[in-house]
Amino acid sequence: MKKPDTESDLRIRPRSAEVVSIKVPAATLASLKKVAERRDMSYDALIKFYIGQGLRQDLARLATDNVLQATAEVLAQHIESKDEVAAILEEIGQANRRRWYPWLTRPLSTDT
């Protein structure tokens, strides 16, 4: 049975944390504060958001690289031609870029 809308399903999971000190250019910090204010959040929460977002993207790329490496190994077991294996992997890479990064494969607009 569904809970009433008045009850919150938000559960905060406590996680261990460490304090990290980094130097950030003053102009960058000012920009972070402006963006954070517009998003109605603290600038340190915005920094954590940006770090998490970038980390997830990099972890996804690592996972993709691992899948491509495993694919290359399996293909090499079944196909003798290294050129054919390389062509297949390139085709997979292009399809992946078109699917997940379409803005990288679209031609730039020449409209002014």
Protein backbone atom coordinates (compact mmCIF):
# COMPACT_ATOMS: atom_id res chain seq x y z
CA MET A 1 0.00 0.00 0.00
CA LYS A 2 1.28 3.43 -0.91
CA LYS A 3 2.17 5.82 1.90
CA PRO A 4 0.22 9.07 2.16
CA ASP A 5 1.80 12.04 0.40
CA THR A 6 2.31 13.80 3.72
CA GLU A 7 4.98 11.30 4.76
CA SER A 8 8.45 11.80 3.37
CA ASP A 9 10.39 8.95 1.81
CA LEU A 10 13.60 10.96 2.08
CA ARG A 11 16.10 9.10 4.18
CA ILE A 12 19.48 10.58 4.84
CA ARG A 13 22.19 7.97 5.11
CA PRO A 14 25.00 9.09 7.35
CA ARG A 15 28.36 8.64 5.66
CA SER A 16 31.80 9.25 7.00
CA ALA A 17 33.43 12.39 5.68
CA GLU A 18 36.80 14.07 5.74
CA VAL A 19 37.61 17.75 5.60
CA VAL A 20 39.65 18.75 2.56
CA SER A 21 41.21 22.13 2.08
CA ILE A 22 41.83 23.41 -1.44
CA LYS A 23 42.80 26.74 -2.90
CA VAL A 24 40.23 28.08 -5.35
CA PRO A 25 40.73 31.27 -7.35
CA ALA A 26 38.71 34.13 -5.86
CA ALA A 27 36.80 34.70 -9.11
CA THR A 28 35.84 31.01 -9.26
CA LEU A 29 34.62 31.08 -5.68
CA ALA A 30 32.59 34.22 -6.39
CA SER A 31 31.01 32.49 -9.40
CA LEU A 32 30.24 29.40 -7.33
CA LYS A 33 28.53 31.55 -4.73
CA LYS A 34 26.40 33.29 -7.40
CA VAL A 35 25.34 30.00 -8.97
CA ALA A 36 24.65 28.45 -5.56
CA GLU A 37 22.47 31.41 -4.59
CA ARG A 38 20.44 31.08 -7.78
CA ARG A 39 20.00 27.36 -7.05
CA ASP A 40 19.02 28.17 -3.46
CA MET A 41 21.82 26.10 -1.97
CA SER A 42 25.10 26.68 -0.17
CA TYR A 43 28.23 26.99 -2.26
CA ASP A 44 29.85 24.05 -0.46
CA ALA A 45 26.82 21.90 -1.37
CA LEU A 46 27.21 23.07 -4.98
CA ILE A 47 30.91 22.12 -4.94
CA LYS A 48 29.99 18.66 -3.60
CA PHE A 49 27.35 18.38 -6.34
CA TYR A 50 29.88 19.26 -9.05
CA ILE A 51 32.43 16.81 -7.64
CA GLY A 52 29.82 14.04 -7.48
CA GLN A 53 28.63 14.78 -11.01
CA GLY A 54 32.15 14.71 -12.44
CA LEU A 55 33.04 11.60 -10.48
CA ARG A 56 29.96 9.73 -11.75
CA GLN A 57 30.86 10.67 -15.34
CA ASP A 58 34.44 9.48 -14.93
CA LEU A 59 33.34 6.24 -13.25
CA ALA A 60 30.91 5.64 -16.12
CA ARG A 61 33.75 6.16 -18.61
CA LEU A 62 35.92 3.71 -16.67
CA ALA A 63 33.13 1.13 -16.73
CA THR A 64 32.72 1.66 -20.48
CA ASP A 65 36.46 1.25 -20.99
CA ASN A 66 36.36 -2.00 -19.01
CA VAL A 67 33.50 -3.32 -21.15
CA LEU A 68 35.34 -2.38 -24.34
CA GLN A 69 38.51 -4.08 -23.09
CA ALA A 70 36.58 -7.26 -22.28
CA THR A 71 34.88 -7.04 -25.68
CA ALA A 72 38.26 -6.72 -27.38
CA GLU A 73 39.55 -9.79 -25.54
CA VAL A 74 36.52 -11.90 -26.48
CA LEU A 75 36.61 -10.76 -30.11
CA ALA A 76 40.32 -11.55 -30.31
CA GLN A 77 39.53 -15.12 -29.26
CA HIS A 78 37.09 -15.53 -32.15
CA ILE A 79 38.48 -13.31 -34.90
CA GLU A 80 42.03 -13.70 -36.15
CA SER A 81 42.32 -10.31 -37.85
CA LYS A 82 43.45 -7.57 -35.46
CA ASP A 83 42.29 -4.99 -38.00
CA GLU A 84 38.79 -6.45 -38.00
CA VAL A 85 38.69 -6.44 -34.19
CA ALA A 86 39.88 -2.80 -34.19
CA ALA A 87 37.22 -1.85 -36.77
CA ILE A 88 34.47 -3.48 -34.69
CA LEU A 89 35.63 -1.71 -31.53
CA GLU A 90 35.78 1.62 -33.37
CA GLU A 91 32.23 1.08 -34.61
CA ILE A 92 31.07 0.31 -31.06
CA GLY A 93 32.85 3.44 -29.80
CA GLN A 94 31.21 5.62 -32.45
CA ALA A 95 27.77 4.20 -31.68
CA ASN A 96 28.36 4.79 -27.97
CA ARG A 97 29.43 8.40 -28.56
CA ARG A 98 26.40 9.06 -30.77
CA ARG A 99 24.12 7.64 -28.10
CA TRP A 100 25.59 9.24 -24.97
CA TYR A 101 27.37 12.33 -26.33
CA PRO A 102 25.32 13.45 -29.35
CA TRP A 103 26.56 17.03 -29.02
CA LEU A 104 30.07 15.79 -29.83
CA THR A 105 28.99 14.16 -33.08
CA ARG A 106 26.67 16.90 -34.38
CA PRO A 107 28.17 19.40 -36.78
CA LEU A 108 28.46 22.91 -35.37
CA SER A 109 25.79 25.31 -36.54
CA THR A 110 26.95 28.03 -38.90
CA ASP A 111 23.88 30.20 -38.24
CA THR A 112 24.68 33.64 -36.90
